[in-house]
Amino acid sequence: MGSPISSTVAEIYLQFLEETHTEQWSKSREVVYYKRYVDDILIIFDQNRTNEQAIINQANSIDKHLQFRMSTEENKLTNYLDLSIHRNDNNIDMDSTENPYALILPYISLPTIHMNKK
């Protein structure tokens, strides 16, 4: 099962990784939006500055014990946690089965990254 403190140590380590490695994306404006919930990460990036493969390559080079995998959009649709995210021409619509309200955000791109320990 593991130690009761494992999830706390993992969270501390992931916060450290975020502080030391995601700042470059923000400064270069490659990544427009970054949000993590436990081990699920949503990244919206500027397609004119980077691409999905560059992001996953950089993420996988951070720590040899962590492996990130990416779920990309298909037919302008991707899922993140309980959200269905649909990219329109000028915005992003998010629908949740849990929440009847839809969110509309500016569009860039919609990859999600999931993290697995090797």
Foldseek 3Di string as FASTA:
>chain_A
DDDPCVLVVLVVVVVVCCVPPCVVCVVQQQWVDWDDDSFKIKTAGAPVRDDPVVVLVSVCVSDVQKHKDKDADDPQWDDGDQWIWGDDPFWIWIDGPVDHDIDIGGHHGIMMMGMDGD
